[in-house]
Each structure stands twice: as C-alpha cells, then as structure tokens.
N, C-alpha and C. Protein backbone atom coordinates (compact mmCIF):
# COMPACT_ATOMS: atom_id res chain seq x y z
N UNK A 1 49.26 38.36 -127.53
CA UNK A 1 49.08 39.66 -126.91
C UNK A 1 50.21 40.61 -127.30
N UNK A 2 51.45 40.15 -127.20
CA UNK A 2 52.59 40.99 -127.57
C UNK A 2 52.57 41.31 -129.06
N UNK A 3 52.12 40.33 -129.85
CA UNK A 3 52.04 40.56 -131.30
C UNK A 3 51.02 41.65 -131.61
N UNK A 4 49.89 41.66 -130.88
CA UNK A 4 48.87 42.70 -131.08
C UNK A 4 49.42 44.08 -130.74
N UNK A 5 50.18 44.14 -129.66
CA UNK A 5 50.79 45.42 -129.25
C UNK A 5 51.79 45.89 -130.31
N UNK A 6 52.58 44.97 -130.85
CA UNK A 6 53.55 45.32 -131.89
C UNK A 6 52.85 45.82 -133.15
N UNK A 7 51.73 45.19 -133.51
CA UNK A 7 50.97 45.61 -134.69
C UNK A 7 50.39 47.00 -134.47
N UNK A 8 49.86 47.27 -133.29
CA UNK A 8 49.32 48.60 -132.99
C UNK A 8 50.42 49.65 -133.01
N UNK A 9 51.59 49.33 -132.45
CA UNK A 9 52.72 50.27 -132.49
C UNK A 9 53.15 50.55 -133.93
N UNK A 10 53.18 49.52 -134.76
CA UNK A 10 53.53 49.70 -136.17
C UNK A 10 52.49 50.57 -136.87
N UNK A 11 51.20 50.31 -136.58
CA UNK A 11 50.13 51.10 -137.17
C UNK A 11 50.25 52.57 -136.75
N UNK A 12 50.58 52.82 -135.48
CA UNK A 12 50.78 54.20 -135.01
C UNK A 12 51.90 54.88 -135.80
N UNK A 13 53.01 54.18 -136.02
CA UNK A 13 54.13 54.75 -136.77
C UNK A 13 53.73 55.05 -138.22
N UNK A 14 53.05 54.10 -138.84
CA UNK A 14 52.64 54.29 -140.24
C UNK A 14 51.69 55.47 -140.36
N UNK A 15 50.68 55.52 -139.49
CA UNK A 15 49.72 56.63 -139.54
C UNK A 15 50.40 57.96 -139.23
N UNK A 16 51.39 57.96 -138.34
CA UNK A 16 52.12 59.18 -138.01
C UNK A 16 52.88 59.73 -139.21
N UNK A 17 53.60 58.85 -139.91
CA UNK A 17 54.37 59.31 -141.07
C UNK A 17 53.45 59.64 -142.24
N UNK A 18 52.33 58.92 -142.35
CA UNK A 18 51.34 59.27 -143.37
C UNK A 18 50.78 60.66 -143.10
N UNK A 19 50.61 61.00 -141.84
CA UNK A 19 50.14 62.33 -141.45
C UNK A 19 51.11 63.40 -141.95
N UNK A 20 52.39 63.16 -141.81
CA UNK A 20 53.40 64.10 -142.30
C UNK A 20 53.26 64.29 -143.81
N UNK A 21 53.11 63.18 -144.54
CA UNK A 21 52.98 63.25 -146.00
C UNK A 21 51.72 64.04 -146.38
N UNK A 22 50.59 63.74 -145.74
CA UNK A 22 49.36 64.47 -146.04
C UNK A 22 49.53 65.96 -145.75
N UNK A 23 50.18 66.29 -144.65
CA UNK A 23 50.37 67.70 -144.31
C UNK A 23 51.14 68.42 -145.41
N UNK A 24 52.18 67.79 -145.91
CA UNK A 24 52.97 68.38 -147.00
C UNK A 24 52.11 68.52 -148.25
N UNK A 25 51.34 67.48 -148.58
CA UNK A 25 50.50 67.53 -149.78
C UNK A 25 49.47 68.65 -149.71
N UNK A 26 48.85 68.83 -148.54
CA UNK A 26 47.83 69.86 -148.39
C UNK A 26 48.42 71.25 -148.64
N UNK A 27 49.68 71.44 -148.27
CA UNK A 27 50.29 72.77 -148.44
C UNK A 27 50.70 73.05 -149.88
N UNK A 28 50.78 72.02 -150.75
CA UNK A 28 51.25 72.28 -152.12
C UNK A 28 50.14 72.31 -153.16
N UNK A 29 48.94 71.82 -152.83
CA UNK A 29 47.86 71.84 -153.82
C UNK A 29 47.39 73.26 -154.06
N UNK A 30 46.93 73.51 -155.29
CA UNK A 30 46.54 74.86 -155.67
C UNK A 30 45.05 75.06 -155.90
N UNK A 31 44.24 74.00 -155.81
CA UNK A 31 42.80 74.18 -155.96
C UNK A 31 42.10 73.73 -154.69
N UNK A 32 41.00 74.41 -154.37
CA UNK A 32 40.28 74.08 -153.13
C UNK A 32 39.66 72.69 -153.19
N UNK A 33 39.18 72.26 -154.37
CA UNK A 33 38.55 70.95 -154.46
C UNK A 33 39.55 69.84 -154.15
N UNK A 34 40.72 69.89 -154.75
CA UNK A 34 41.75 68.89 -154.50
C UNK A 34 42.25 69.00 -153.06
N UNK A 35 42.39 70.22 -152.56
CA UNK A 35 42.81 70.41 -151.17
C UNK A 35 41.80 69.81 -150.22
N UNK A 36 40.51 69.95 -150.51
CA UNK A 36 39.48 69.36 -149.63
C UNK A 36 39.56 67.83 -149.64
N UNK A 37 39.81 67.22 -150.82
CA UNK A 37 39.98 65.76 -150.86
C UNK A 37 41.16 65.33 -149.99
N UNK A 38 42.27 66.03 -150.13
CA UNK A 38 43.46 65.71 -149.33
C UNK A 38 43.18 65.94 -147.85
N UNK A 39 42.42 67.00 -147.53
CA UNK A 39 42.09 67.29 -146.14
C UNK A 39 41.21 66.19 -145.54
N UNK A 40 40.27 65.64 -146.33
CA UNK A 40 39.44 64.53 -145.85
C UNK A 40 40.33 63.34 -145.50
N UNK A 41 41.22 62.99 -146.43
CA UNK A 41 42.10 61.84 -146.21
C UNK A 41 43.01 62.09 -145.01
N UNK A 42 43.55 63.29 -144.93
CA UNK A 42 44.44 63.64 -143.83
C UNK A 42 43.71 63.59 -142.48
N UNK A 43 42.52 64.16 -142.43
CA UNK A 43 41.77 64.19 -141.17
C UNK A 43 41.36 62.79 -140.74
N UNK A 44 40.99 61.93 -141.69
CA UNK A 44 40.65 60.55 -141.36
C UNK A 44 41.86 59.84 -140.78
N UNK A 45 42.98 59.97 -141.48
CA UNK A 45 44.24 59.38 -141.01
C UNK A 45 44.58 59.90 -139.61
N UNK A 46 44.52 61.21 -139.43
CA UNK A 46 44.92 61.82 -138.16
C UNK A 46 43.95 61.50 -137.03
N UNK A 47 42.68 61.35 -137.34
CA UNK A 47 41.71 60.99 -136.30
C UNK A 47 42.00 59.60 -135.76
N UNK A 48 42.23 58.65 -136.65
CA UNK A 48 42.56 57.28 -136.21
C UNK A 48 43.87 57.28 -135.44
N UNK A 49 44.87 57.99 -135.96
CA UNK A 49 46.17 58.06 -135.30
C UNK A 49 46.05 58.70 -133.92
N UNK A 50 45.31 59.79 -133.83
CA UNK A 50 45.14 60.49 -132.55
C UNK A 50 44.42 59.63 -131.52
N UNK A 51 43.43 58.87 -131.95
CA UNK A 51 42.73 57.97 -131.03
C UNK A 51 43.70 56.92 -130.51
N UNK A 52 44.49 56.34 -131.41
CA UNK A 52 45.47 55.33 -130.98
C UNK A 52 46.51 55.91 -130.02
N UNK A 53 46.87 57.18 -130.23
CA UNK A 53 47.87 57.83 -129.39
C UNK A 53 47.27 58.38 -128.09
N UNK A 54 45.94 58.49 -128.05
CA UNK A 54 45.28 59.05 -126.86
C UNK A 54 45.34 60.56 -126.80
N UNK A 55 45.47 61.21 -127.94
CA UNK A 55 45.55 62.67 -128.02
C UNK A 55 44.16 63.23 -128.31
N UNK A 56 43.34 63.40 -127.29
CA UNK A 56 41.97 63.85 -127.49
C UNK A 56 41.87 65.26 -128.07
N UNK A 57 42.73 66.21 -127.69
CA UNK A 57 42.64 67.52 -128.34
C UNK A 57 42.84 67.43 -129.86
N UNK A 58 43.75 66.56 -130.29
CA UNK A 58 43.99 66.38 -131.73
C UNK A 58 42.81 65.68 -132.40
N UNK A 59 42.16 64.75 -131.69
CA UNK A 59 40.94 64.12 -132.22
C UNK A 59 39.88 65.19 -132.45
N UNK A 60 39.70 66.05 -131.45
CA UNK A 60 38.70 67.13 -131.56
C UNK A 60 39.03 68.04 -132.74
N UNK A 61 40.29 68.41 -132.87
CA UNK A 61 40.70 69.28 -133.97
C UNK A 61 40.41 68.63 -135.31
N UNK A 62 40.81 67.36 -135.47
CA UNK A 62 40.62 66.69 -136.75
C UNK A 62 39.15 66.48 -137.08
N UNK A 63 38.35 66.14 -136.09
CA UNK A 63 36.92 66.00 -136.35
C UNK A 63 36.29 67.34 -136.71
N UNK A 64 36.76 68.41 -136.07
CA UNK A 64 36.25 69.75 -136.39
C UNK A 64 36.63 70.15 -137.82
N UNK A 65 37.89 69.91 -138.18
CA UNK A 65 38.35 70.21 -139.53
C UNK A 65 37.57 69.38 -140.55
N UNK A 66 37.35 68.10 -140.25
CA UNK A 66 36.57 67.24 -141.14
C UNK A 66 35.16 67.78 -141.29
N UNK A 67 34.56 68.17 -140.18
CA UNK A 67 33.19 68.70 -140.23
C UNK A 67 33.12 69.96 -141.08
N UNK A 68 34.06 70.87 -140.89
CA UNK A 68 34.07 72.11 -141.66
C UNK A 68 34.29 71.82 -143.14
N UNK A 69 35.27 70.95 -143.46
CA UNK A 69 35.54 70.61 -144.85
C UNK A 69 34.35 69.89 -145.51
N UNK A 70 33.73 68.98 -144.76
CA UNK A 70 32.57 68.26 -145.29
C UNK A 70 31.42 69.23 -145.56
N UNK A 71 31.17 70.11 -144.61
CA UNK A 71 30.12 71.11 -144.77
C UNK A 71 30.39 71.98 -146.00
N UNK A 72 31.63 72.49 -146.09
CA UNK A 72 31.98 73.36 -147.22
C UNK A 72 31.94 72.59 -148.55
N UNK A 73 32.37 71.32 -148.54
CA UNK A 73 32.35 70.52 -149.76
C UNK A 73 30.92 70.36 -150.26
N UNK A 74 30.00 69.94 -149.37
CA UNK A 74 28.61 69.76 -149.77
C UNK A 74 27.99 71.08 -150.23
N UNK A 75 28.32 72.14 -149.53
CA UNK A 75 27.75 73.46 -149.86
C UNK A 75 28.31 74.01 -151.18
N UNK A 76 29.61 73.84 -151.40
CA UNK A 76 30.26 74.45 -152.56
C UNK A 76 30.25 73.60 -153.82
N UNK A 77 30.30 72.28 -153.68
CA UNK A 77 30.52 71.43 -154.85
C UNK A 77 29.39 70.44 -155.15
N UNK A 78 28.30 70.48 -154.39
CA UNK A 78 27.18 69.57 -154.67
C UNK A 78 25.88 70.36 -154.71
N UNK A 79 24.83 69.69 -155.10
CA UNK A 79 23.50 70.29 -155.14
C UNK A 79 22.65 69.78 -153.98
N UNK A 80 23.28 69.39 -152.88
CA UNK A 80 22.58 68.85 -151.73
C UNK A 80 21.63 69.90 -151.15
N UNK A 81 20.43 69.43 -150.75
CA UNK A 81 19.44 70.34 -150.18
C UNK A 81 19.97 71.00 -148.91
N UNK A 82 19.58 72.25 -148.72
CA UNK A 82 20.05 73.03 -147.57
C UNK A 82 19.70 72.35 -146.24
N UNK A 83 18.51 71.76 -146.14
CA UNK A 83 18.09 71.11 -144.89
C UNK A 83 18.97 69.91 -144.57
N UNK A 84 19.40 69.18 -145.59
CA UNK A 84 20.28 68.02 -145.39
C UNK A 84 21.64 68.50 -144.88
N UNK A 85 22.15 69.56 -145.46
CA UNK A 85 23.44 70.12 -145.03
C UNK A 85 23.34 70.60 -143.59
N UNK A 86 22.25 71.27 -143.24
CA UNK A 86 22.07 71.75 -141.87
C UNK A 86 21.94 70.59 -140.87
N UNK A 87 21.24 69.53 -141.26
CA UNK A 87 21.12 68.36 -140.39
C UNK A 87 22.48 67.69 -140.20
N UNK A 88 23.25 67.60 -141.28
CA UNK A 88 24.60 67.04 -141.20
C UNK A 88 25.46 67.87 -140.25
N UNK A 89 25.38 69.18 -140.37
CA UNK A 89 26.14 70.07 -139.49
C UNK A 89 25.72 69.88 -138.03
N UNK A 90 24.43 69.74 -137.77
CA UNK A 90 23.94 69.55 -136.39
C UNK A 90 24.46 68.25 -135.80
N UNK A 91 24.44 67.17 -136.58
CA UNK A 91 24.95 65.88 -136.10
C UNK A 91 26.43 65.98 -135.78
N UNK A 92 27.19 66.66 -136.64
CA UNK A 92 28.63 66.82 -136.41
C UNK A 92 28.90 67.64 -135.15
N UNK A 93 28.14 68.71 -134.94
CA UNK A 93 28.33 69.53 -133.74
C UNK A 93 28.03 68.72 -132.47
N UNK A 94 26.97 67.93 -132.49
CA UNK A 94 26.62 67.11 -131.32
C UNK A 94 27.72 66.08 -131.04
N UNK A 95 28.20 65.41 -132.08
CA UNK A 95 29.24 64.40 -131.90
C UNK A 95 30.53 65.01 -131.37
N UNK A 96 30.94 66.13 -131.93
CA UNK A 96 32.18 66.78 -131.48
C UNK A 96 32.01 67.30 -130.05
N UNK A 97 30.84 67.82 -129.71
CA UNK A 97 30.59 68.30 -128.35
C UNK A 97 30.71 67.16 -127.34
N UNK A 98 30.23 65.99 -127.69
CA UNK A 98 30.33 64.83 -126.81
C UNK A 98 31.80 64.44 -126.59
N UNK A 99 32.59 64.46 -127.66
CA UNK A 99 34.01 64.12 -127.53
C UNK A 99 34.74 65.19 -126.71
N UNK A 100 34.38 66.46 -126.88
CA UNK A 100 34.96 67.52 -126.06
C UNK A 100 34.66 67.28 -124.59
N UNK A 101 33.43 66.91 -124.28
CA UNK A 101 33.02 66.61 -122.91
C UNK A 101 33.88 65.48 -122.32
N UNK A 102 34.04 64.40 -123.05
CA UNK A 102 34.85 63.26 -122.59
C UNK A 102 36.30 63.69 -122.39
N UNK A 103 36.86 64.42 -123.36
CA UNK A 103 38.26 64.84 -123.30
C UNK A 103 38.53 65.75 -122.11
N UNK A 104 37.64 66.69 -121.87
CA UNK A 104 37.83 67.63 -120.75
C UNK A 104 37.73 66.89 -119.42
N UNK A 105 36.77 65.97 -119.30
CA UNK A 105 36.65 65.18 -118.07
C UNK A 105 37.89 64.33 -117.84
N UNK A 106 38.43 63.74 -118.90
CA UNK A 106 39.65 62.94 -118.77
C UNK A 106 40.83 63.81 -118.34
N UNK A 107 40.92 65.02 -118.88
CA UNK A 107 42.00 65.94 -118.50
C UNK A 107 41.87 66.38 -117.05
N UNK A 108 40.64 66.68 -116.63
CA UNK A 108 40.43 67.10 -115.24
C UNK A 108 40.79 65.98 -114.28
N UNK A 109 40.48 64.74 -114.67
CA UNK A 109 40.79 63.58 -113.81
C UNK A 109 42.29 63.35 -113.69
N UNK A 110 43.03 63.55 -114.79
CA UNK A 110 44.48 63.35 -114.79
C UNK A 110 45.16 64.45 -115.60
N UNK A 111 45.30 65.65 -115.03
CA UNK A 111 45.91 66.74 -115.79
C UNK A 111 47.43 66.55 -115.94
N UNK A 112 47.92 66.82 -117.15
CA UNK A 112 49.36 66.83 -117.40
C UNK A 112 49.70 68.07 -118.21
N UNK A 113 50.94 68.50 -118.14
CA UNK A 113 51.37 69.67 -118.89
C UNK A 113 51.24 69.42 -120.39
N UNK A 114 51.64 68.22 -120.85
CA UNK A 114 51.58 67.92 -122.28
C UNK A 114 50.14 68.02 -122.81
N UNK A 115 49.20 67.41 -122.11
CA UNK A 115 47.80 67.46 -122.56
C UNK A 115 47.26 68.88 -122.46
N UNK A 116 47.64 69.60 -121.41
CA UNK A 116 47.22 71.00 -121.30
C UNK A 116 47.70 71.82 -122.48
N UNK A 117 48.95 71.62 -122.89
CA UNK A 117 49.48 72.35 -124.05
C UNK A 117 48.84 71.88 -125.35
N UNK A 118 48.42 70.62 -125.41
CA UNK A 118 47.69 70.15 -126.59
C UNK A 118 46.34 70.87 -126.70
N UNK A 119 45.70 71.10 -125.57
CA UNK A 119 44.45 71.87 -125.57
C UNK A 119 44.71 73.33 -125.95
N UNK A 120 45.82 73.91 -125.47
CA UNK A 120 46.18 75.28 -125.85
C UNK A 120 46.42 75.34 -127.36
N UNK A 121 47.13 74.35 -127.91
CA UNK A 121 47.38 74.27 -129.34
C UNK A 121 46.07 74.21 -130.11
N UNK A 122 45.15 73.38 -129.64
CA UNK A 122 43.81 73.29 -130.24
C UNK A 122 43.14 74.66 -130.25
N UNK A 123 43.17 75.35 -129.11
CA UNK A 123 42.56 76.67 -129.01
C UNK A 123 43.17 77.68 -129.97
N UNK A 124 44.49 77.68 -130.06
CA UNK A 124 45.19 78.62 -130.95
C UNK A 124 44.80 78.35 -132.41
N UNK A 125 44.74 77.08 -132.79
CA UNK A 125 44.39 76.74 -134.18
C UNK A 125 42.95 77.14 -134.48
N UNK A 126 42.05 76.87 -133.54
CA UNK A 126 40.64 77.25 -133.76
C UNK A 126 40.50 78.76 -133.89
N UNK A 127 41.19 79.51 -133.04
CA UNK A 127 41.16 80.98 -133.14
C UNK A 127 41.74 81.41 -134.49
N UNK A 128 42.84 80.77 -134.92
CA UNK A 128 43.46 81.12 -136.20
C UNK A 128 42.47 80.90 -137.35
N UNK A 129 41.70 79.83 -137.29
CA UNK A 129 40.76 79.54 -138.36
C UNK A 129 39.66 80.59 -138.47
N UNK A 130 39.41 81.33 -137.40
CA UNK A 130 38.40 82.38 -137.42
C UNK A 130 38.94 83.73 -137.89
N UNK A 131 40.23 83.85 -138.07
CA UNK A 131 40.84 85.11 -138.47
C UNK A 131 40.44 85.46 -139.90
N UNK A 132 40.23 86.73 -140.13
CA UNK A 132 39.93 87.19 -141.48
C UNK A 132 41.14 87.86 -142.12
N UNK A 133 42.13 88.19 -141.32
CA UNK A 133 43.36 88.77 -141.85
C UNK A 133 44.42 87.68 -141.92
N UNK A 134 45.04 87.56 -143.08
CA UNK A 134 46.02 86.52 -143.32
C UNK A 134 47.22 86.62 -142.37
N UNK A 135 47.66 87.84 -142.10
CA UNK A 135 48.83 88.01 -141.22
C UNK A 135 48.53 87.48 -139.81
N UNK A 136 47.36 87.80 -139.28
CA UNK A 136 46.99 87.31 -137.95
C UNK A 136 46.89 85.78 -137.94
N UNK A 137 46.31 85.22 -139.00
CA UNK A 137 46.21 83.76 -139.12
C UNK A 137 47.61 83.14 -139.08
N UNK A 138 48.53 83.69 -139.85
CA UNK A 138 49.88 83.14 -139.91
C UNK A 138 50.62 83.29 -138.58
N UNK A 139 50.42 84.39 -137.89
CA UNK A 139 51.06 84.58 -136.58
C UNK A 139 50.54 83.54 -135.60
N UNK A 140 49.23 83.33 -135.59
CA UNK A 140 48.66 82.33 -134.68
C UNK A 140 49.12 80.91 -135.03
N UNK A 141 49.21 80.61 -136.31
CA UNK A 141 49.68 79.28 -136.71
C UNK A 141 51.16 79.10 -136.35
N UNK A 142 51.93 80.17 -136.44
CA UNK A 142 53.33 80.11 -136.00
C UNK A 142 53.40 79.82 -134.51
N UNK A 143 52.56 80.51 -133.72
CA UNK A 143 52.48 80.25 -132.29
C UNK A 143 52.08 78.79 -132.03
N UNK A 144 51.13 78.29 -132.82
CA UNK A 144 50.70 76.89 -132.69
C UNK A 144 51.87 75.93 -132.91
N UNK A 145 52.73 76.28 -133.83
CA UNK A 145 53.91 75.43 -134.08
C UNK A 145 54.76 75.27 -132.84
N UNK A 146 55.01 76.39 -132.15
CA UNK A 146 55.84 76.33 -130.95
C UNK A 146 55.13 75.65 -129.78
N UNK A 147 53.85 75.98 -129.58
CA UNK A 147 53.08 75.36 -128.50
C UNK A 147 52.97 73.85 -128.74
N UNK A 148 52.67 73.48 -129.99
CA UNK A 148 52.54 72.06 -130.33
C UNK A 148 53.84 71.30 -130.18
N UNK A 149 54.97 71.96 -130.46
CA UNK A 149 56.27 71.30 -130.28
C UNK A 149 56.44 70.82 -128.85
N UNK A 150 56.01 71.64 -127.91
CA UNK A 150 56.14 71.27 -126.50
C UNK A 150 55.04 70.27 -126.11
N UNK A 151 53.81 70.50 -126.59
CA UNK A 151 52.70 69.64 -126.23
C UNK A 151 52.85 68.21 -126.73
N UNK A 152 53.47 68.05 -127.90
CA UNK A 152 53.64 66.71 -128.48
C UNK A 152 55.10 66.26 -128.43
N UNK A 153 55.88 66.89 -127.54
CA UNK A 153 57.31 66.60 -127.45
C UNK A 153 57.55 65.09 -127.28
N UNK A 154 58.47 64.59 -128.05
CA UNK A 154 58.82 63.17 -127.96
C UNK A 154 58.25 62.33 -129.09
N UNK A 155 57.22 62.84 -129.78
CA UNK A 155 56.67 62.10 -130.92
C UNK A 155 57.30 62.66 -132.19
N UNK A 156 58.11 61.85 -132.88
CA UNK A 156 58.86 62.39 -134.03
C UNK A 156 57.98 62.93 -135.15
N UNK A 157 56.85 62.28 -135.41
CA UNK A 157 55.99 62.73 -136.50
C UNK A 157 55.38 64.10 -136.19
N UNK A 158 54.88 64.28 -134.97
CA UNK A 158 54.31 65.57 -134.61
C UNK A 158 55.37 66.65 -134.54
N UNK A 159 56.57 66.28 -134.14
CA UNK A 159 57.66 67.26 -134.11
C UNK A 159 57.97 67.74 -135.54
N UNK A 160 57.96 66.81 -136.50
CA UNK A 160 58.20 67.18 -137.91
C UNK A 160 57.08 68.08 -138.41
N UNK A 161 55.83 67.70 -138.11
CA UNK A 161 54.69 68.50 -138.56
C UNK A 161 54.76 69.91 -137.98
N UNK A 162 55.02 70.01 -136.68
CA UNK A 162 55.07 71.34 -136.05
C UNK A 162 56.28 72.14 -136.55
N UNK A 163 57.40 71.46 -136.84
CA UNK A 163 58.55 72.15 -137.42
C UNK A 163 58.19 72.69 -138.81
N UNK A 164 57.45 71.90 -139.59
CA UNK A 164 56.99 72.37 -140.91
C UNK A 164 56.09 73.58 -140.77
N UNK A 165 55.20 73.56 -139.78
CA UNK A 165 54.32 74.71 -139.54
C UNK A 165 55.17 75.95 -139.24
N UNK A 166 56.16 75.81 -138.37
CA UNK A 166 57.02 76.93 -138.00
C UNK A 166 57.76 77.47 -139.23
N UNK A 167 58.34 76.58 -140.03
CA UNK A 167 59.11 76.99 -141.20
C UNK A 167 58.20 77.66 -142.23
N UNK A 168 57.07 77.02 -142.55
CA UNK A 168 56.17 77.57 -143.58
C UNK A 168 55.59 78.91 -143.15
N UNK A 169 55.12 78.99 -141.91
CA UNK A 169 54.52 80.26 -141.46
C UNK A 169 55.57 81.36 -141.34
N UNK A 170 56.77 81.02 -140.89
CA UNK A 170 57.85 82.02 -140.82
C UNK A 170 58.17 82.53 -142.22
N UNK A 171 58.30 81.61 -143.15
CA UNK A 171 58.60 81.97 -144.54
C UNK A 171 57.51 82.90 -145.09
N UNK A 172 56.25 82.52 -144.89
CA UNK A 172 55.15 83.32 -145.43
C UNK A 172 55.03 84.68 -144.73
N UNK A 173 55.32 84.71 -143.43
CA UNK A 173 55.25 85.99 -142.71
C UNK A 173 56.33 86.96 -143.13
N UNK A 174 57.54 86.44 -143.40
CA UNK A 174 58.67 87.32 -143.65
C UNK A 174 59.01 87.52 -145.12
N UNK A 175 58.41 86.74 -146.02
CA UNK A 175 58.78 86.89 -147.43
C UNK A 175 57.62 87.30 -148.32
N UNK A 176 56.40 87.31 -147.80
CA UNK A 176 55.27 87.69 -148.64
C UNK A 176 54.51 88.83 -147.99
N UNK A 177 53.80 89.57 -148.83
CA UNK A 177 52.88 90.55 -148.28
C UNK A 177 51.69 89.76 -147.76
N UNK A 178 51.09 90.20 -146.66
CA UNK A 178 50.12 89.36 -145.99
C UNK A 178 48.66 89.75 -146.14
N UNK A 179 48.34 91.00 -146.34
CA UNK A 179 46.94 91.38 -146.20
C UNK A 179 46.36 92.20 -147.35
N UNK A 180 46.96 92.15 -148.53
CA UNK A 180 46.36 92.89 -149.62
C UNK A 180 45.08 92.19 -150.06
N UNK A 181 44.07 92.92 -150.47
CA UNK A 181 42.80 92.29 -150.89
C UNK A 181 43.00 91.27 -152.02
N UNK A 182 43.92 91.56 -152.94
CA UNK A 182 44.16 90.63 -154.06
C UNK A 182 44.72 89.31 -153.55
N UNK A 183 45.66 89.36 -152.60
CA UNK A 183 46.23 88.14 -152.06
C UNK A 183 45.20 87.37 -151.25
N UNK A 184 44.37 88.07 -150.50
CA UNK A 184 43.33 87.38 -149.73
C UNK A 184 42.38 86.66 -150.67
N UNK A 185 42.02 87.31 -151.77
CA UNK A 185 41.13 86.69 -152.74
C UNK A 185 41.79 85.46 -153.37
N UNK A 186 43.08 85.59 -153.69
CA UNK A 186 43.81 84.45 -154.28
C UNK A 186 43.94 83.31 -153.28
N UNK A 187 44.18 83.63 -152.01
CA UNK A 187 44.33 82.61 -150.97
C UNK A 187 43.02 81.87 -150.72
N UNK A 188 41.89 82.56 -150.87
CA UNK A 188 40.60 81.96 -150.57
C UNK A 188 40.03 81.14 -151.71
N UNK A 189 40.65 81.19 -152.88
CA UNK A 189 40.14 80.41 -154.02
C UNK A 189 40.49 78.96 -153.89
C-alpha cells in the first residue's frame, strides 16, 4: 500500500515537471502544426496529472484545449468529412459538460479558496482564448498568471508554469507592439 502511494507521488512529480517542459516547448515552436502536436502531448500529460492532483478546473481546461486543438487539427490538416468533425465536437462538448457538472458539485460540497481561484483561473483563460485583440489576450493571460499562482500555491511545478506565464506575458506586453494587423496575422499562422 505504501509502495503504491510512493509510486503515485513519484508519477505526480514526473508529470508535473513534464508539464513545465511541454509549456516551454509550446512557447518556442514557430509552426501551428508542430505546436498542435506539442499541445496534444501537453494536454494529455496535464489531464492525467490534474486528475491525480484532484484539480478539476485544470482537467476541464486541458480537455477543452485538447478538444479545440483536435477540432482545429482535423479541420485544418486532414480531409475528414465535415459530419465526422461535427460529431467529434459534439461528443467532446458532452464529455466536458459532464466533467464540469461533477467539478462544480464537488466544489459546492466542499468549497475552498484554492479551488475557487482555480475556477477563476479557468474562467480568465477561457475568456482570453476568445479575445480577438492580442493585447487583451496578453493582459488576461498575465492576470491568469497571478490568479493561478494563488490558486495552485504550494505546488512547485504550477508555480513555475504560472511564473513563466507572468514573465512571458509581461515581456510581450511591454516590449512588442500588440495589435497591428501584420502581427496578428503572423501570430495566427
């Protein structure tokens, strides 16, 4: 029994540090196809890690990111029929909705500040993903860095990831132009 617990704790540490590595890799790739592959691997890693850690808002975020990336990958890089893509999207929405239902019920049953801030972090990231202006996206992601620092306080891997978010978004906000049409086009490629 103790050996099983030690193995799970080791797995949590490995997946946590792997998450940091994937996060760094995703920020340095320059093509969307390679970035999507890294995002798939990262989201798979983070989903398993989040489940082991009991971080349901992070599970929801990673499954949502996986669903969006999978949808975009099939749509942009394959010849998959439109009906198949739409059915895949419907299945993903149903599955994520079920996990949201479970997570919210668990939070209502035992609310904590940390979990509440994890949900706030999830909300900020989702809102950021809907932004069409790069500057607004970066401001929201910077806010996510600070909210996430508090929500995941005590976990070294998440603290590193959120610190990276703060540093990268601060750098991009203060050293680059944010909303020129040319830059938006370059960022979206």
